[in-house]
N, C-alpha and C. Protein backbone atom coordinates (compact mmCIF):
# COMPACT_ATOMS: atom_id res chain seq x y z
N MET A 1 13.77 -2.10 -7.82
CA MET A 1 13.04 -1.63 -6.67
C MET A 1 12.30 -2.81 -6.07
N LYS A 2 12.54 -3.09 -4.81
CA LYS A 2 11.83 -4.16 -4.14
C LYS A 2 11.18 -3.59 -2.89
N TYR A 3 10.04 -4.15 -2.55
CA TYR A 3 9.29 -3.71 -1.40
C TYR A 3 8.91 -4.95 -0.61
N TYR A 4 9.33 -5.01 0.64
CA TYR A 4 9.05 -6.17 1.46
C TYR A 4 8.06 -5.77 2.54
N ARG A 5 7.04 -6.58 2.71
CA ARG A 5 6.01 -6.25 3.66
C ARG A 5 5.38 -7.53 4.18
N LYS A 6 5.13 -7.59 5.45
CA LYS A 6 4.44 -8.76 5.99
C LYS A 6 3.02 -8.76 5.44
N ALA A 7 2.57 -9.92 5.06
CA ALA A 7 1.29 -10.06 4.37
C ALA A 7 0.11 -9.87 5.31
N LEU A 8 -0.97 -9.34 4.77
CA LEU A 8 -2.24 -9.26 5.45
C LEU A 8 -3.15 -10.28 4.79
N ALA A 9 -3.45 -11.34 5.49
CA ALA A 9 -4.28 -12.40 4.91
C ALA A 9 -5.73 -12.21 5.35
N VAL A 10 -6.64 -12.42 4.45
CA VAL A 10 -8.06 -12.36 4.73
C VAL A 10 -8.72 -13.58 4.11
N THR A 11 -9.95 -13.81 4.45
CA THR A 11 -10.63 -14.97 3.89
C THR A 11 -10.90 -14.76 2.41
N ALA A 12 -11.11 -15.86 1.71
CA ALA A 12 -11.34 -15.79 0.26
C ALA A 12 -12.58 -14.95 -0.06
N SER A 13 -13.65 -15.12 0.69
CA SER A 13 -14.87 -14.37 0.38
C SER A 13 -14.67 -12.88 0.63
N ALA A 14 -13.95 -12.52 1.68
CA ALA A 14 -13.70 -11.10 1.95
C ALA A 14 -12.82 -10.50 0.86
N ALA A 15 -11.86 -11.26 0.38
CA ALA A 15 -10.99 -10.75 -0.69
C ALA A 15 -11.76 -10.53 -1.97
N LEU A 16 -12.62 -11.46 -2.31
CA LEU A 16 -13.42 -11.28 -3.53
C LEU A 16 -14.37 -10.10 -3.39
N THR A 17 -14.91 -9.88 -2.21
CA THR A 17 -15.77 -8.72 -1.97
C THR A 17 -14.96 -7.44 -2.15
N ALA A 18 -13.74 -7.41 -1.62
CA ALA A 18 -12.90 -6.22 -1.75
C ALA A 18 -12.60 -5.95 -3.22
N ILE A 19 -12.32 -6.97 -3.99
CA ILE A 19 -12.03 -6.80 -5.41
C ILE A 19 -13.27 -6.33 -6.15
N ALA A 20 -14.42 -6.84 -5.80
CA ALA A 20 -15.66 -6.51 -6.52
C ALA A 20 -16.10 -5.07 -6.27
N PHE A 21 -15.86 -4.53 -5.08
CA PHE A 21 -16.42 -3.23 -4.74
C PHE A 21 -15.41 -2.10 -4.65
N ALA A 22 -14.13 -2.38 -4.80
CA ALA A 22 -13.13 -1.31 -4.71
C ALA A 22 -13.21 -0.43 -5.95
N GLY A 23 -12.83 0.85 -5.80
CA GLY A 23 -12.79 1.74 -6.95
C GLY A 23 -11.77 1.25 -7.96
N GLN A 24 -12.03 1.39 -9.22
CA GLN A 24 -11.17 0.83 -10.24
C GLN A 24 -10.31 1.90 -10.89
N ALA A 25 -9.06 1.53 -11.14
CA ALA A 25 -8.15 2.40 -11.88
C ALA A 25 -8.50 2.31 -13.35
N ASN A 26 -7.91 3.19 -14.15
CA ASN A 26 -8.04 3.04 -15.59
C ASN A 26 -7.06 1.96 -16.01
N ALA A 27 -7.24 0.80 -15.45
CA ALA A 27 -6.48 -0.39 -15.80
C ALA A 27 -7.52 -1.41 -16.23
N ASP A 28 -7.08 -2.59 -16.51
CA ASP A 28 -8.03 -3.64 -16.82
C ASP A 28 -8.74 -4.09 -15.54
N ALA A 29 -8.57 -3.35 -14.46
CA ALA A 29 -9.21 -3.51 -13.15
C ALA A 29 -8.76 -4.78 -12.45
N ASP A 30 -9.24 -5.94 -12.86
CA ASP A 30 -8.77 -7.17 -12.24
C ASP A 30 -8.85 -8.30 -13.25
N LYS A 31 -8.02 -9.29 -13.04
CA LYS A 31 -7.99 -10.43 -13.94
C LYS A 31 -7.58 -11.66 -13.15
N THR A 32 -8.16 -12.81 -13.49
CA THR A 32 -7.86 -14.07 -12.82
C THR A 32 -7.31 -15.06 -13.84
N ASP A 33 -6.30 -15.82 -13.40
CA ASP A 33 -5.72 -16.87 -14.22
C ASP A 33 -5.37 -18.05 -13.31
N ASP A 34 -6.03 -19.17 -13.49
CA ASP A 34 -5.73 -20.41 -12.77
C ASP A 34 -5.65 -20.20 -11.25
N GLY A 35 -6.66 -19.54 -10.69
CA GLY A 35 -6.75 -19.38 -9.24
C GLY A 35 -5.98 -18.22 -8.65
N VAL A 36 -5.32 -17.41 -9.48
CA VAL A 36 -4.58 -16.24 -9.00
C VAL A 36 -5.24 -15.00 -9.61
N THR A 37 -5.49 -13.98 -8.77
CA THR A 37 -6.13 -12.75 -9.24
C THR A 37 -5.24 -11.56 -8.91
N VAL A 38 -5.16 -10.62 -9.86
CA VAL A 38 -4.52 -9.33 -9.62
C VAL A 38 -5.60 -8.26 -9.78
N GLY A 39 -5.61 -7.29 -8.88
CA GLY A 39 -6.55 -6.17 -8.95
C GLY A 39 -5.81 -4.86 -8.76
N ILE A 40 -6.09 -3.89 -9.62
CA ILE A 40 -5.47 -2.57 -9.53
C ILE A 40 -6.58 -1.57 -9.27
N PHE A 41 -6.43 -0.78 -8.21
CA PHE A 41 -7.47 0.16 -7.80
C PHE A 41 -6.88 1.55 -7.65
N GLY A 42 -7.52 2.52 -8.24
CA GLY A 42 -7.05 3.90 -8.18
C GLY A 42 -7.69 4.70 -9.28
N LYS A 43 -6.98 5.71 -9.77
CA LYS A 43 -7.50 6.57 -10.82
C LYS A 43 -6.38 6.88 -11.80
N LYS A 44 -6.64 6.59 -13.06
CA LYS A 44 -5.69 6.79 -14.15
C LYS A 44 -4.37 6.11 -13.82
N LEU A 45 -3.27 6.86 -13.74
CA LEU A 45 -1.95 6.26 -13.52
C LEU A 45 -1.58 6.17 -12.04
N HIS A 46 -2.46 6.64 -11.18
CA HIS A 46 -2.24 6.58 -9.73
C HIS A 46 -2.85 5.29 -9.19
N VAL A 47 -2.01 4.43 -8.65
CA VAL A 47 -2.48 3.19 -8.04
C VAL A 47 -2.63 3.44 -6.55
N GLN A 48 -3.89 3.44 -6.09
CA GLN A 48 -4.13 3.62 -4.67
C GLN A 48 -3.80 2.34 -3.92
N GLN A 49 -4.09 1.21 -4.57
CA GLN A 49 -3.79 -0.08 -3.96
C GLN A 49 -3.84 -1.15 -5.04
N ALA A 50 -2.95 -2.10 -4.93
CA ALA A 50 -2.98 -3.26 -5.82
C ALA A 50 -3.12 -4.49 -4.93
N SER A 51 -3.82 -5.49 -5.41
CA SER A 51 -4.00 -6.70 -4.62
C SER A 51 -3.67 -7.92 -5.45
N ILE A 52 -3.15 -8.93 -4.76
CA ILE A 52 -2.96 -10.24 -5.37
C ILE A 52 -3.68 -11.23 -4.47
N PHE A 53 -4.33 -12.19 -5.06
CA PHE A 53 -5.18 -13.11 -4.33
C PHE A 53 -5.01 -14.51 -4.89
N THR A 54 -4.99 -15.49 -4.01
CA THR A 54 -5.04 -16.88 -4.45
C THR A 54 -6.08 -17.61 -3.62
N GLY A 55 -6.83 -18.45 -4.26
CA GLY A 55 -7.85 -19.26 -3.60
C GLY A 55 -7.65 -20.71 -3.95
N GLY A 56 -6.50 -21.24 -3.61
CA GLY A 56 -6.11 -22.60 -4.00
C GLY A 56 -6.81 -23.69 -3.22
N PRO A 57 -6.32 -24.90 -3.39
CA PRO A 57 -6.92 -26.06 -2.72
C PRO A 57 -6.73 -25.98 -1.22
N HIS A 58 -7.48 -26.78 -0.50
CA HIS A 58 -7.48 -26.72 0.96
C HIS A 58 -6.47 -27.70 1.55
N PHE A 59 -5.21 -27.38 1.43
CA PHE A 59 -4.14 -28.13 2.10
C PHE A 59 -3.02 -27.14 2.37
N ASN A 60 -2.16 -27.49 3.31
CA ASN A 60 -1.10 -26.56 3.69
C ASN A 60 -0.06 -26.43 2.60
N VAL A 61 0.20 -25.21 2.20
CA VAL A 61 1.24 -24.91 1.22
C VAL A 61 1.80 -23.54 1.58
N CYS A 62 3.11 -23.42 1.52
CA CYS A 62 3.77 -22.15 1.80
C CYS A 62 4.04 -21.44 0.48
N LEU A 63 3.60 -20.19 0.39
CA LEU A 63 3.73 -19.45 -0.86
C LEU A 63 4.42 -18.11 -0.62
N ASN A 64 5.19 -17.67 -1.61
CA ASN A 64 5.69 -16.30 -1.69
C ASN A 64 4.92 -15.64 -2.82
N GLY A 65 4.43 -14.41 -2.59
CA GLY A 65 3.65 -13.70 -3.60
C GLY A 65 4.45 -12.57 -4.23
N PHE A 66 4.23 -12.34 -5.53
CA PHE A 66 4.96 -11.31 -6.26
C PHE A 66 3.99 -10.50 -7.12
N LEU A 67 4.22 -9.20 -7.17
CA LEU A 67 3.47 -8.30 -8.04
C LEU A 67 4.51 -7.43 -8.75
N THR A 68 4.63 -7.63 -10.06
CA THR A 68 5.65 -6.92 -10.85
C THR A 68 5.00 -5.90 -11.76
N PHE A 69 5.48 -4.66 -11.70
CA PHE A 69 5.05 -3.58 -12.58
C PHE A 69 6.14 -3.40 -13.64
N THR A 70 5.76 -3.51 -14.92
CA THR A 70 6.72 -3.35 -16.01
C THR A 70 6.25 -2.21 -16.92
N PRO A 71 6.90 -1.03 -16.82
CA PRO A 71 6.54 0.09 -17.70
C PRO A 71 7.04 -0.17 -19.12
N PRO A 72 6.48 0.54 -20.11
CA PRO A 72 6.93 0.34 -21.49
C PRO A 72 8.41 0.70 -21.67
N HIS A 73 8.91 1.64 -20.88
CA HIS A 73 10.32 2.05 -20.94
C HIS A 73 10.80 2.22 -19.51
N GLY A 74 11.99 1.79 -19.23
CA GLY A 74 12.55 1.97 -17.89
C GLY A 74 12.47 0.70 -17.06
N PRO A 75 12.97 0.80 -15.83
CA PRO A 75 13.06 -0.39 -14.97
C PRO A 75 11.70 -0.82 -14.43
N SER A 76 11.59 -2.11 -14.15
CA SER A 76 10.38 -2.65 -13.54
C SER A 76 10.51 -2.57 -12.02
N GLY A 77 9.41 -2.77 -11.34
CA GLY A 77 9.40 -2.78 -9.88
C GLY A 77 8.64 -4.00 -9.39
N THR A 78 9.18 -4.70 -8.39
CA THR A 78 8.53 -5.89 -7.86
C THR A 78 8.23 -5.71 -6.38
N TYR A 79 7.00 -5.97 -6.00
CA TYR A 79 6.57 -5.97 -4.61
C TYR A 79 6.43 -7.43 -4.22
N THR A 80 6.98 -7.79 -3.06
CA THR A 80 7.08 -9.19 -2.67
C THR A 80 6.47 -9.42 -1.29
N VAL A 81 5.76 -10.52 -1.15
CA VAL A 81 5.25 -10.98 0.13
C VAL A 81 5.89 -12.34 0.38
N TYR A 82 6.80 -12.41 1.37
CA TYR A 82 7.48 -13.67 1.67
C TYR A 82 6.79 -14.41 2.81
N HIS A 83 6.79 -15.72 2.70
CA HIS A 83 6.39 -16.55 3.83
C HIS A 83 7.58 -16.57 4.78
N HIS A 84 7.36 -16.20 6.02
CA HIS A 84 8.45 -16.13 6.98
C HIS A 84 8.72 -17.50 7.60
N ALA A 85 9.98 -17.90 7.66
CA ALA A 85 10.37 -19.19 8.23
C ALA A 85 9.82 -19.31 9.65
N GLY A 86 9.30 -20.45 9.96
CA GLY A 86 8.76 -20.69 11.29
C GLY A 86 7.27 -20.41 11.42
N GLU A 87 6.71 -19.65 10.48
CA GLU A 87 5.27 -19.40 10.51
C GLU A 87 4.55 -20.57 9.87
N PRO A 88 3.35 -20.90 10.35
CA PRO A 88 2.62 -22.01 9.73
C PRO A 88 2.22 -21.66 8.30
N CYS A 89 2.15 -22.67 7.48
CA CYS A 89 1.69 -22.48 6.10
C CYS A 89 0.17 -22.38 6.11
N SER A 90 -0.36 -21.71 5.10
CA SER A 90 -1.80 -21.49 5.04
C SER A 90 -2.45 -22.57 4.19
N ASN A 91 -3.76 -22.46 4.07
CA ASN A 91 -4.48 -23.35 3.16
C ASN A 91 -4.44 -22.78 1.75
N SER A 92 -3.48 -21.92 1.48
CA SER A 92 -3.20 -21.28 0.20
C SER A 92 -4.30 -20.32 -0.24
N GLN A 93 -5.11 -19.87 0.70
CA GLN A 93 -6.09 -18.84 0.39
C GLN A 93 -5.65 -17.56 1.09
N GLY A 94 -5.50 -16.49 0.34
CA GLY A 94 -5.12 -15.25 0.97
C GLY A 94 -5.14 -14.10 -0.01
N ALA A 95 -5.25 -12.91 0.54
CA ALA A 95 -5.19 -11.70 -0.27
C ALA A 95 -4.11 -10.82 0.33
N TYR A 96 -3.34 -10.19 -0.53
CA TYR A 96 -2.24 -9.36 -0.09
C TYR A 96 -2.37 -8.01 -0.79
N PHE A 97 -2.28 -6.94 -0.03
CA PHE A 97 -2.48 -5.60 -0.56
C PHE A 97 -1.14 -4.88 -0.59
N LEU A 98 -0.75 -4.44 -1.78
CA LEU A 98 0.60 -3.92 -2.02
C LEU A 98 0.54 -2.63 -2.83
N ALA A 99 1.71 -2.06 -3.06
CA ALA A 99 1.88 -0.93 -3.99
C ALA A 99 0.91 0.21 -3.71
N GLU A 100 0.75 0.55 -2.44
CA GLU A 100 -0.18 1.61 -2.08
C GLU A 100 0.39 2.98 -2.44
N ASP A 101 -0.46 3.81 -3.03
CA ASP A 101 -0.14 5.20 -3.36
C ASP A 101 1.12 5.30 -4.23
N THR A 102 1.09 4.61 -5.37
CA THR A 102 2.20 4.68 -6.33
C THR A 102 1.71 5.21 -7.66
N TRP A 103 2.63 5.72 -8.46
CA TRP A 103 2.32 6.23 -9.80
C TRP A 103 3.13 5.44 -10.80
N TRP A 104 2.53 5.10 -11.95
CA TRP A 104 3.19 4.31 -12.98
C TRP A 104 2.96 4.94 -14.34
N PRO A 105 3.92 4.82 -15.27
CA PRO A 105 3.74 5.37 -16.62
C PRO A 105 2.58 4.70 -17.35
N ASN A 106 2.04 5.42 -18.32
CA ASN A 106 0.96 4.89 -19.15
C ASN A 106 1.41 3.57 -19.79
N ASN A 107 0.48 2.61 -19.86
CA ASN A 107 0.69 1.28 -20.44
C ASN A 107 1.67 0.41 -19.66
N THR A 108 1.77 0.64 -18.36
CA THR A 108 2.54 -0.26 -17.50
C THR A 108 1.74 -1.54 -17.29
N THR A 109 2.42 -2.67 -17.35
CA THR A 109 1.78 -3.97 -17.13
C THR A 109 2.07 -4.42 -15.69
N ALA A 110 1.02 -4.85 -14.99
CA ALA A 110 1.16 -5.37 -13.63
C ALA A 110 0.79 -6.85 -13.65
N CYS A 111 1.70 -7.71 -13.21
CA CYS A 111 1.47 -9.16 -13.21
C CYS A 111 1.67 -9.72 -11.81
N ALA A 112 0.80 -10.65 -11.43
CA ALA A 112 0.89 -11.30 -10.12
C ALA A 112 1.19 -12.78 -10.30
N TYR A 113 1.96 -13.32 -9.37
CA TYR A 113 2.19 -14.77 -9.36
C TYR A 113 2.65 -15.19 -7.98
N PHE A 114 2.53 -16.48 -7.71
CA PHE A 114 2.96 -17.08 -6.45
C PHE A 114 3.94 -18.20 -6.74
N LEU A 115 4.95 -18.34 -5.88
CA LEU A 115 5.90 -19.44 -5.96
C LEU A 115 5.82 -20.26 -4.67
N ARG A 116 5.88 -21.59 -4.82
CA ARG A 116 5.93 -22.46 -3.64
C ARG A 116 7.28 -22.28 -2.95
N VAL A 117 7.27 -22.18 -1.63
CA VAL A 117 8.50 -22.04 -0.87
C VAL A 117 9.34 -23.31 -1.00
N SER A 118 8.70 -24.47 -1.04
CA SER A 118 9.42 -25.75 -1.01
C SER A 118 10.29 -26.00 -2.24
N ASN A 119 9.82 -25.57 -3.43
CA ASN A 119 10.58 -25.89 -4.64
C ASN A 119 10.72 -24.71 -5.61
N ASN A 120 10.22 -23.54 -5.23
CA ASN A 120 10.30 -22.32 -6.04
C ASN A 120 9.60 -22.45 -7.40
N LYS A 121 8.64 -23.38 -7.50
CA LYS A 121 7.86 -23.52 -8.74
C LYS A 121 6.59 -22.69 -8.62
N ARG A 122 6.13 -22.20 -9.77
CA ARG A 122 4.94 -21.35 -9.78
C ARG A 122 3.72 -22.13 -9.33
N TYR A 123 2.88 -21.44 -8.55
CA TYR A 123 1.64 -22.00 -8.04
C TYR A 123 0.50 -21.23 -8.70
N GLY A 124 -0.29 -21.87 -9.52
CA GLY A 124 -1.39 -21.19 -10.20
C GLY A 124 -0.92 -20.41 -11.40
N GLY A 125 -1.75 -19.48 -11.84
CA GLY A 125 -1.49 -18.72 -13.06
C GLY A 125 -0.67 -17.46 -12.81
N LYS A 126 -0.59 -16.64 -13.87
CA LYS A 126 0.13 -15.36 -13.81
C LYS A 126 -0.70 -14.31 -14.55
N PRO A 127 -1.77 -13.80 -13.89
CA PRO A 127 -2.60 -12.80 -14.55
C PRO A 127 -1.90 -11.44 -14.63
N CYS A 128 -2.19 -10.70 -15.70
CA CYS A 128 -1.62 -9.37 -15.90
C CYS A 128 -2.72 -8.38 -16.28
N VAL A 129 -2.57 -7.14 -15.87
CA VAL A 129 -3.46 -6.05 -16.27
C VAL A 129 -2.59 -4.89 -16.74
N THR A 130 -3.18 -3.99 -17.50
CA THR A 130 -2.45 -2.82 -18.01
C THR A 130 -3.01 -1.55 -17.39
N ILE A 131 -2.12 -0.72 -16.88
CA ILE A 131 -2.49 0.59 -16.30
C ILE A 131 -2.40 1.61 -17.43
N HIS A 132 -3.47 2.39 -17.61
CA HIS A 132 -3.48 3.36 -18.71
C HIS A 132 -4.30 4.57 -18.34
N ASN A 133 -4.11 5.67 -19.08
CA ASN A 133 -4.90 6.89 -18.89
C ASN A 133 -6.33 6.66 -19.26
C-alpha cells in the first residue's frame, strides 16, 4: 500500500508546537533520532494523524520522506512524500502530515526516515514508535 501526497511544509517551530500539543495516541507518541521525528496522534489503534519532521542544517537539500507502518502480522504500509522535480530544494526543515484517519493492528511499529534525492542515502535517523491499545 502506497500513498502519495504533496507535502505540507511548515516552519520548524510550528512543527514542534504541533507535536507538543497534539492529542496523543496510545503509541509511544513521538520520538526523535538524529534530527528526524515521528509523531502519532489519535486514540488507541486509530491514527488521526501521523507526522514526520526534520530540522536539518541550513543548506539546500532535496529530501523524500517515508513513514512505514509494520504490523506484527500482515503487510506493511508506506506513506511517501516525494520532492517533485523542478521544485526548489528546502533548507531541510519541514513537517509532513500523513496517514490521516487510519486504523492499525495492536503493536504496529511506525518508522520515519528521509532519503536524499541526489544519492538515495538516508538523511538523519530513523525513529520508530509502537501503536498499542
